[in-house]
Structure formats: structure tokens, C-alpha cells
PDB file of N, CA and C in Angstrom:
ATOM      1  N   MET A   1      21.210   2.029  -2.775  1.00  0.00           N
ATOM      2  CA  MET A   1      19.851   1.510  -3.647  1.00  0.00           C
ATOM      3  C   MET A   1      18.785   0.965  -2.353  1.00  0.00           C
ATOM      4  N   ALA A   2      17.554   1.356  -2.593  1.00  0.00           N
ATOM      5  CA  ALA A   2      16.503   1.212  -1.447  1.00  0.00           C
ATOM      6  C   ALA A   2      15.969  -0.378  -1.808  1.00  0.00           C
ATOM      7  N   PRO A   3      15.790  -1.112  -0.572  1.00  0.00           N
ATOM      8  CA  PRO A   3      15.645  -2.302  -0.609  1.00  0.00           C
ATOM      9  C   PRO A   3      14.137  -2.761  -1.434  1.00  0.00           C
ATOM     10  N   GLU A   4      13.874  -3.592  -2.039  1.00  0.00           N
ATOM     11  CA  GLU A   4      12.593  -3.837  -2.880  1.00  0.00           C
ATOM     12  C   GLU A   4      11.676  -4.339  -1.779  1.00  0.00           C
ATOM     13  N   LYS A   5      12.192  -4.965  -0.523  1.00  0.00           N
ATOM     14  CA  LYS A   5      11.088  -5.448   0.368  1.00  0.00           C
ATOM     15  C   LYS A   5      11.829  -5.682   1.772  1.00  0.00           C
ATOM     16  N   ILE A   6      11.150  -5.589   2.736  1.00  0.00           N
ATOM     17  CA  ILE A   6      11.893  -5.512   4.055  1.00  0.00           C
ATOM     18  C   ILE A   6      10.970  -6.788   4.739  1.00  0.00           C
ATOM     19  N   VAL A   7      11.582  -7.871   5.315  1.00  0.00           N
ATOM     20  CA  VAL A   7      10.673  -8.986   6.112  1.00  0.00           C
ATOM     21  C   VAL A   7      10.389  -8.425   7.532  1.00  0.00           C
ATOM     22  N   ALA A   8       9.019  -8.670   7.797  1.00  0.00           N
ATOM     23  CA  ALA A   8       8.616  -8.317   8.952  1.00  0.00           C
ATOM     24  C   ALA A   8       8.385  -9.479   9.748  1.00  0.00           C
ATOM     25  N   THR A   9       8.617  -9.606  11.102  1.00  0.00           N
ATOM     26  CA  THR A   9       8.682 -10.873  11.768  1.00  0.00           C
ATOM     27  C   THR A   9       7.646 -10.720  12.955  1.00  0.00           C
ATOM     28  N   LYS A  10       6.703 -11.751  13.570  1.00  0.00           N
ATOM     29  CA  LYS A  10       6.079 -11.256  14.963  1.00  0.00           C
ATOM     30  C   LYS A  10       6.694 -12.679  15.495  1.00  0.00           C
ATOM     31  N   PHE A  11       7.001 -12.455  16.888  1.00  0.00           N
ATOM     32  CA  PHE A  11       7.408 -13.211  17.624  1.00  0.00           C
ATOM     33  C   PHE A  11       6.380 -13.701  18.869  1.00  0.00           C
ATOM     34  N   ASP A  12       6.677 -14.809  19.526  1.00  0.00           N
ATOM     35  CA  ASP A  12       5.561 -15.075  20.448  1.00  0.00           C
ATOM     36  C   ASP A  12       6.234 -14.824  21.678  1.00  0.00           C
ATOM     37  N   ALA A  13       5.921 -15.270  22.758  1.00  0.00           N
ATOM     38  CA  ALA A  13       6.332 -14.672  24.424  1.00  0.00           C
ATOM     39  C   ALA A  13       7.773 -15.304  24.770  1.00  0.00           C
ATOM     40  N   ALA A  14       7.878 -16.405  23.993  1.00  0.00           N
ATOM     41  CA  ALA A  14       9.030 -17.107  24.075  1.00  0.00           C
ATOM     42  C   ALA A  14       9.915 -16.613  23.270  1.00  0.00           C
ATOM     43  N   GLY A  15       9.659 -15.642  22.196  1.00  0.00           N
ATOM     44  CA  GLY A  15      10.947 -15.271  21.639  1.00  0.00           C
ATOM     45  C   GLY A  15      10.858 -16.421  20.276  1.00  0.00           C
ATOM     46  N   ASN A  16       9.993 -17.150  19.741  1.00  0.00           N
ATOM     47  CA  ASN A  16       9.917 -17.831  18.788  1.00  0.00           C
ATOM     48  C   ASN A  16       9.346 -17.050  17.702  1.00  0.00           C
ATOM     49  N   PRO A  17       9.757 -17.350  16.245  1.00  0.00           N
ATOM     50  CA  PRO A  17       8.969 -16.293  15.140  1.00  0.00           C
ATOM     51  C   PRO A  17       7.710 -17.305  15.195  1.00  0.00           C
ATOM     52  N   THR A  18       6.527 -16.533  14.799  1.00  0.00           N
ATOM     53  CA  THR A  18       5.343 -17.223  14.622  1.00  0.00           C
ATOM     54  C   THR A  18       4.762 -16.869  13.171  1.00  0.00           C
ATOM     55  N   ARG A  19       5.125 -15.493  12.767  1.00  0.00           N
ATOM     56  CA  ARG A  19       4.743 -15.427  11.423  1.00  0.00           C
ATOM     57  C   ARG A  19       5.809 -14.347  10.740  1.00  0.00           C
ATOM     58  N   SER A  20       5.960 -14.197   9.386  1.00  0.00           N
ATOM     59  CA  SER A  20       6.570 -13.228   8.870  1.00  0.00           C
ATOM     60  C   SER A  20       6.258 -12.739   7.486  1.00  0.00           C
ATOM     61  N   ARG A  21       6.376 -11.962   7.104  1.00  0.00           N
ATOM     62  CA  ARG A  21       5.368 -11.155   5.943  1.00  0.00           C
ATOM     63  C   ARG A  21       6.585 -10.122   5.208  1.00  0.00           C
ATOM     64  N   PRO A  22       6.628 -10.243   4.106  1.00  0.00           N
ATOM     65  CA  PRO A  22       7.211  -9.191   3.372  1.00  0.00           C
ATOM     66  C   PRO A  22       6.519  -7.574   3.454  1.00  0.00           C
ATOM     67  N   VAL A  23       7.017  -6.774   3.581  1.00  0.00           N
ATOM     68  CA  VAL A  23       6.452  -5.180   3.609  1.00  0.00           C
ATOM     69  C   VAL A  23       7.348  -4.900   2.172  1.00  0.00           C
ATOM     70  N   CYS A  24       6.354  -4.555   1.254  1.00  0.00           N
ATOM     71  CA  CYS A  24       6.782  -4.227  -0.104  1.00  0.00           C
ATOM     72  C   CYS A  24       7.151  -2.395  -0.236  1.00  0.00           C
ATOM     73  N   ALA A  25       7.919  -2.293  -0.985  1.00  0.00           N
ATOM     74  CA  ALA A  25       7.815  -0.614  -1.425  1.00  0.00           C
ATOM     75  C   ALA A  25       6.588  -0.386  -2.046  1.00  0.00           C
ATOM     76  N   TYR A  26       5.918   0.588  -1.705  1.00  0.00           N
ATOM     77  CA  TYR A  26       4.736   1.365  -2.262  1.00  0.00           C
ATOM     78  C   TYR A  26       5.031   1.489  -3.670  1.00  0.00           C
ATOM     79  N   PRO A  27       4.100   1.284  -4.814  1.00  0.00           N
ATOM     80  CA  PRO A  27       2.879   0.757  -4.654  1.00  0.00           C
ATOM     81  C   PRO A  27       2.615  -0.625  -4.563  1.00  0.00           C
ATOM     82  N   ALA A  28       3.680  -1.572  -4.677  1.00  0.00           N
ATOM     83  CA  ALA A  28       3.778  -3.067  -4.542  1.00  0.00           C
ATOM     84  C   ALA A  28       2.824  -3.446  -3.330  1.00  0.00           C
ATOM     85  N   GLU A  29       2.590  -4.659  -3.276  1.00  0.00           N
ATOM     86  CA  GLU A  29       1.731  -5.377  -2.345  1.00  0.00           C
ATOM     87  C   GLU A  29       2.083  -6.569  -2.075  1.00  0.00           C
ATOM     88  N   ALA A  30       1.846  -7.142  -1.044  1.00  0.00           N
ATOM     89  CA  ALA A  30       2.593  -8.730  -0.842  1.00  0.00           C
ATOM     90  C   ALA A  30       1.498  -9.675  -1.067  1.00  0.00           C
ATOM     91  N   VAL A  31       1.656 -10.528  -1.955  1.00  0.00           N
ATOM     92  CA  VAL A  31       0.630 -11.543  -2.498  1.00  0.00           C
ATOM     93  C   VAL A  31       1.082 -12.786  -2.168  1.00  0.00           C
ATOM     94  N   TYR A  32       0.188 -13.665  -1.625  1.00  0.00           N
ATOM     95  CA  TYR A  32       0.544 -15.093  -1.394  1.00  0.00           C
ATOM     96  C   TYR A  32       0.539 -15.842  -2.892  1.00  0.00           C
ATOM     97  N   ASN A  33       1.873 -16.699  -2.810  1.00  0.00           N
ATOM     98  CA  ASN A  33       2.163 -17.357  -4.101  1.00  0.00           C
ATOM     99  C   ASN A  33       1.203 -18.723  -4.468  1.00  0.00           C
ATOM    100  N   GLY A  34       0.693 -19.080  -3.313  1.00  0.00           N
ATOM    101  CA  GLY A  34      -0.455 -20.056  -3.688  1.00  0.00           C
ATOM    102  C   GLY A  34      -0.038 -21.392  -2.799  1.00  0.00           C
ATOM    103  N   SER A  35       1.175 -21.655  -2.432  1.00  0.00           N
ATOM    104  CA  SER A  35       1.414 -22.762  -1.957  1.00  0.00           C
ATOM    105  C   SER A  35       2.482 -22.562  -0.797  1.00  0.00           C
ATOM    106  N   GLY A  36       2.380 -23.442   0.015  1.00  0.00           N
ATOM    107  CA  GLY A  36       3.535 -23.187   1.311  1.00  0.00           C
ATOM    108  C   GLY A  36       2.895 -22.656   2.559  1.00  0.00           C
ATOM    109  N   ASP A  37       3.570 -22.310   3.345  1.00  0.00           N
ATOM    110  CA  ASP A  37       2.922 -22.092   4.840  1.00  0.00           C
ATOM    111  C   ASP A  37       2.635 -20.294   4.706  1.00  0.00           C
ATOM    112  N   ILE A  38       1.672 -20.043   4.970  1.00  0.00           N
ATOM    113  CA  ILE A  38       1.059 -18.761   4.786  1.00  0.00           C
ATOM    114  C   ILE A  38       1.852 -17.802   5.925  1.00  0.00           C
ATOM    115  N   ASN A  39       2.437 -18.417   6.914  1.00  0.00           N
ATOM    116  CA  ASN A  39       3.233 -17.814   7.844  1.00  0.00           C
ATOM    117  C   ASN A  39       4.576 -17.530   7.568  1.00  0.00           C
ATOM    118  N   ASP A  40       5.028 -17.865   6.416  1.00  0.00           N
ATOM    119  CA  ASP A  40       6.514 -17.823   5.937  1.00  0.00           C
ATOM    120  C   ASP A  40       6.277 -16.498   4.941  1.00  0.00           C
ATOM    121  N   ALA A  41       7.562 -15.826   4.973  1.00  0.00           N
ATOM    122  CA  ALA A  41       7.577 -14.612   4.088  1.00  0.00           C
ATOM    123  C   ALA A  41       8.174 -15.104   2.565  1.00  0.00           C
ATOM    124  N   ALA A  42       8.760 -16.341   2.930  1.00  0.00           N
ATOM    125  CA  ALA A  42       9.403 -16.815   1.483  1.00  0.00           C
ATOM    126  C   ALA A  42       8.061 -17.327   0.349  1.00  0.00           C
ATOM    127  N   ASN A  43       6.821 -17.297   1.099  1.00  0.00           N
ATOM    128  CA  ASN A  43       5.920 -18.044   0.044  1.00  0.00           C
ATOM    129  C   ASN A  43       4.961 -16.816  -0.355  1.00  0.00           C
ATOM    130  N   PHE A  44       5.601 -15.392  -0.167  1.00  0.00           N
ATOM    131  CA  PHE A  44       5.070 -14.244  -0.836  1.00  0.00           C
ATOM    132  C   PHE A  44       5.909 -13.547  -1.591  1.00  0.00           C
ATOM    133  N   SER A  45       5.289 -12.750  -2.613  1.00  0.00           N
ATOM    134  CA  SER A  45       5.968 -12.025  -3.569  1.00  0.00           C
ATOM    135  C   SER A  45       5.477 -10.601  -3.420  1.00  0.00           C
ATOM    136  N   CYS A  46       6.134  -9.673  -4.006  1.00  0.00           N
ATOM    137  CA  CYS A  46       5.652  -8.179  -4.116  1.00  0.00           C
ATOM    138  C   CYS A  46       5.456  -8.193  -5.609  1.00  0.00           C
ATOM    139  N   ARG A  47       4.187  -7.588  -5.564  1.00  0.00           N
ATOM    140  CA  ARG A  47       3.687  -7.479  -6.961  1.00  0.00           C
ATOM    141  C   ARG A  47       2.858  -6.059  -6.932  1.00  0.00           C
ATOM    142  N   THR A  48       3.246  -5.366  -8.119  1.00  0.00           N
ATOM    143  CA  THR A  48       2.565  -4.133  -8.202  1.00  0.00           C
ATOM    144  C   THR A  48       1.207  -4.041  -9.026  1.00  0.00           C
ATOM    145  N   PRO A  49       0.166  -3.731  -8.273  1.00  0.00           N
ATOM    146  CA  PRO A  49      -1.252  -3.803  -9.004  1.00  0.00           C
ATOM    147  C   PRO A  49      -1.240  -2.883 -10.222  1.00  0.00           C
ATOM    148  N   LYS A  50      -2.200  -3.689 -10.928  1.00  0.00           N
ATOM    149  CA  LYS A  50      -2.319  -2.875 -12.520  1.00  0.00           C
ATOM    150  C   LYS A  50      -3.469  -1.649 -11.939  1.00  0.00           C
ATOM    151  N   LEU A  51      -3.005  -0.268 -12.576  1.00  0.00           N
ATOM    152  CA  LEU A  51      -4.087   0.797 -12.168  1.00  0.00           C
ATOM    153  C   LEU A  51      -5.021   0.595 -13.293  1.00  0.00           C
ATOM    154  N   GLN A  52      -6.181   0.975 -12.775  1.00  0.00           N
ATOM    155  CA  GLN A  52      -7.530   0.992 -13.937  1.00  0.00           C
ATOM    156  C   GLN A  52      -7.283   2.637 -14.518  1.00  0.00           C
ATOM    157  N   GLU A  53      -7.668   2.375 -15.655  1.00  0.00           N
ATOM    158  CA  GLU A  53      -7.796   3.806 -16.611  1.00  0.00           C
ATOM    159  C   GLU A  53      -9.143   4.324 -16.284  1.00  0.00           C
ATOM    160  N   ARG A  54      -9.039   5.704 -16.007  1.00  0.00           N
ATOM    161  CA  ARG A  54     -10.347   6.431 -15.361  1.00  0.00           C
ATOM    162  C   ARG A  54     -10.408   7.621 -16.514  1.00  0.00           C
ATOM    163  N   THR A  55     -11.826   7.816 -16.884  1.00  0.00           N
ATOM    164  CA  THR A  55     -11.924   8.921 -17.658  1.00  0.00           C
ATOM    165  C   THR A  55     -12.326  10.025 -16.708  1.00  0.00           C
ATOM    166  N   VAL A  56     -11.637  11.095 -16.929  1.00  0.00           N
ATOM    167  CA  VAL A  56     -12.157  12.455 -16.102  1.00  0.00           C
ATOM    168  C   VAL A  56     -13.381  12.960 -16.829  1.00  0.00           C
ATOM    169  N   THR A  57     -14.280  13.179 -15.588  1.00  0.00           N
ATOM    170  CA  THR A  57     -15.672  13.802 -16.481  1.00  0.00           C
ATOM    171  C   THR A  57     -15.875  15.170 -15.984  1.00  0.00           C
ATOM    172  N   PRO A  58     -16.603  15.961 -16.852  1.00  0.00           N
ATOM    173  CA  PRO A  58     -16.872  17.250 -16.388  1.00  0.00           C
ATOM    174  C   PRO A  58     -17.219  17.412 -14.514  1.00  0.00           C
ATOM    175  N   SER A  59     -18.285  16.289 -14.087  1.00  0.00           N
ATOM    176  CA  SER A  59     -18.293  16.644 -13.093  1.00  0.00           C
ATOM    177  C   SER A  59     -17.359  16.439 -11.874  1.00  0.00           C
ATOM    178  N   ASP A  60     -16.293  15.623 -12.344  1.00  0.00           N
ATOM    179  CA  ASP A  60     -15.033  15.360 -11.583  1.00  0.00           C
ATOM    180  C   ASP A  60     -14.334  16.795 -11.508  1.00  0.00           C
ATOM    181  N   LEU A  61     -14.155  17.646 -12.504  1.00  0.00           N
ATOM    182  CA  LEU A  61     -13.361  18.615 -12.526  1.00  0.00           C
ATOM    183  C   LEU A  61     -14.227  19.665 -11.618  1.00  0.00           C
ATOM    184  N   VAL A  62     -15.512  19.700 -11.688  1.00  0.00           N
ATOM    185  CA  VAL A  62     -16.203  20.512 -10.792  1.00  0.00           C
ATOM    186  C   VAL A  62     -15.959  20.370  -9.580  1.00  0.00           C
ATOM    187  N   ASN A  63     -15.999  18.822  -8.987  1.00  0.00           N
ATOM    188  CA  ASN A  63     -15.737  18.568  -7.423  1.00  0.00           C
ATOM    189  C   ASN A  63     -14.226  18.743  -7.104  1.00  0.00           C
ATOM    190  N   ILE A  64     -13.264  18.526  -7.999  1.00  0.00           N
ATOM    191  CA  ILE A  64     -12.032  18.897  -7.550  1.00  0.00           C
ATOM    192  C   ILE A  64     -11.716  20.452  -7.460  1.00  0.00           C
ATOM    193  N   ARG A  65     -12.547  21.353  -8.359  1.00  0.00           N
ATOM    194  CA  ARG A  65     -12.655  22.730  -8.018  1.00  0.00           C
ATOM    195  C   ARG A  65     -13.181  23.335  -6.746  1.00  0.00           C
ATOM    196  N   ASN A  66     -14.327  22.382  -6.315  1.00  0.00           N
ATOM    197  CA  ASN A  66     -15.115  22.991  -5.232  1.00  0.00           C
ATOM    198  C   ASN A  66     -14.021  22.441  -4.193  1.00  0.00           C
ATOM    199  N   SER A  67     -13.582  21.512  -4.227  1.00  0.00           N
ATOM    200  CA  SER A  67     -12.511  20.838  -2.850  1.00  0.00           C
ATOM    201  C   SER A  67     -11.400  21.838  -2.936  1.00  0.00           C
ATOM    202  N   LEU A  68     -10.749  22.383  -4.007  1.00  0.00           N
ATOM    203  CA  LEU A  68      -9.785  23.244  -3.787  1.00  0.00           C
ATOM    204  C   LEU A  68     -10.258  24.558  -3.166  1.00  0.00           C
ATOM    205  N   THR A  69     -11.745  24.953  -3.644  1.00  0.00           N
ATOM    206  CA  THR A  69     -11.657  26.286  -3.024  1.00  0.00           C
ATOM    207  C   THR A  69     -12.388  26.295  -1.508  1.00  0.00           C
ATOM    208  N   GLN A  70     -12.804  25.321  -1.288  1.00  0.00           N
ATOM    209  CA  GLN A  70     -13.104  24.871   0.256  1.00  0.00           C
ATOM    210  C   GLN A  70     -11.578  24.793   1.186  1.00  0.00           C
ATOM    211  N   ARG A  71     -10.741  24.307   0.469  1.00  0.00           N
ATOM    212  CA  ARG A  71      -9.524  24.212   1.400  1.00  0.00           C
ATOM    213  C   ARG A  71      -8.948  25.684   1.465  1.00  0.00           C
ATOM    214  N   THR A  72      -8.976  26.502   0.368  1.00  0.00           N
ATOM    215  CA  THR A  72      -8.694  28.054   0.262  1.00  0.00           C
ATOM    216  C   THR A  72      -9.213  28.721   1.392  1.00  0.00           C
ATOM    217  N   LEU A  73     -10.791  28.501   1.347  1.00  0.00           N
ATOM    218  CA  LEU A  73     -11.575  29.124   2.303  1.00  0.00           C
ATOM    219  C   LEU A  73     -11.220  28.738   3.821  1.00  0.00           C
ATOM    220  N   MET A  74     -10.822  27.456   3.929  1.00  0.00           N
ATOM    221  CA  MET A  74     -10.438  26.922   5.607  1.00  0.00           C
ATOM    222  C   MET A  74      -8.868  27.314   5.956  1.00  0.00           C
ATOM    223  N   LEU A  75      -8.126  27.622   4.839  1.00  0.00           N
ATOM    224  CA  LEU A  75      -6.658  27.868   5.023  1.00  0.00           C
ATOM    225  C   LEU A  75      -6.457  29.175   4.369  1.00  0.00           C
ATOM    226  N   PRO A  76      -6.949  30.209   4.954  1.00  0.00           N
ATOM    227  CA  PRO A  76      -6.426  31.571   4.262  1.00  0.00           C
ATOM    228  C   PRO A  76      -4.993  32.129   4.431  1.00  0.00           C
ATOM    229  N   ASN A  77      -4.311  31.560   5.340  1.00  0.00           N
ATOM    230  CA  ASN A  77      -2.859  31.965   5.607  1.00  0.00           C
ATOM    231  C   ASN A  77      -2.097  31.133   4.694  1.00  0.00           C
ATOM    232  N   ARG A  78      -2.486  30.273   3.886  1.00  0.00           N
ATOM    233  CA  ARG A  78      -1.578  29.537   2.942  1.00  0.00           C
ATOM    234  C   ARG A  78      -1.114  30.586   1.889  1.00  0.00           C
TER     235      ARG A  78
END
């Protein structure tokens, strides 16, 4: 099973830890809990942001089609 997060740590020249942060599995992001030392990973949580719903318009479809056409023209051996 894949880990939910990995803690990354920055060390100073003497080898002492100066900062740690969780590295969250995509699409989650590290978010400060609001209290405690901002340099300690224990004060952060991995949270997945809510995606905004978006309506696809006819102009979006034209832009997508044009982009795909340009890609085909630029990469004829695909």
C-alpha cells in the first residue's frame, strides 16, 4: 500500500533538522493546521482541495480541437 505522506526534512550545516514538511500524495496538499511551529511537519495535514465544477462551452471545444490539430501537424509521425 502506498504511503499517504512522506516527511521531508531540511538540515543545517551541522546536521541539525531546521524544517520538516509532509509531501502528500497527489492531489492532496500540505496545509498548516493553524497552531504550533510552522517548521514542524506534525503541524500540517494532507488535504485534498475541492475541485470546482466547470461548464464546457462551445469555444472550449473549438480550442481543444485546434490544439489537437496543431499537435497532429507538429508530430506527423505519431
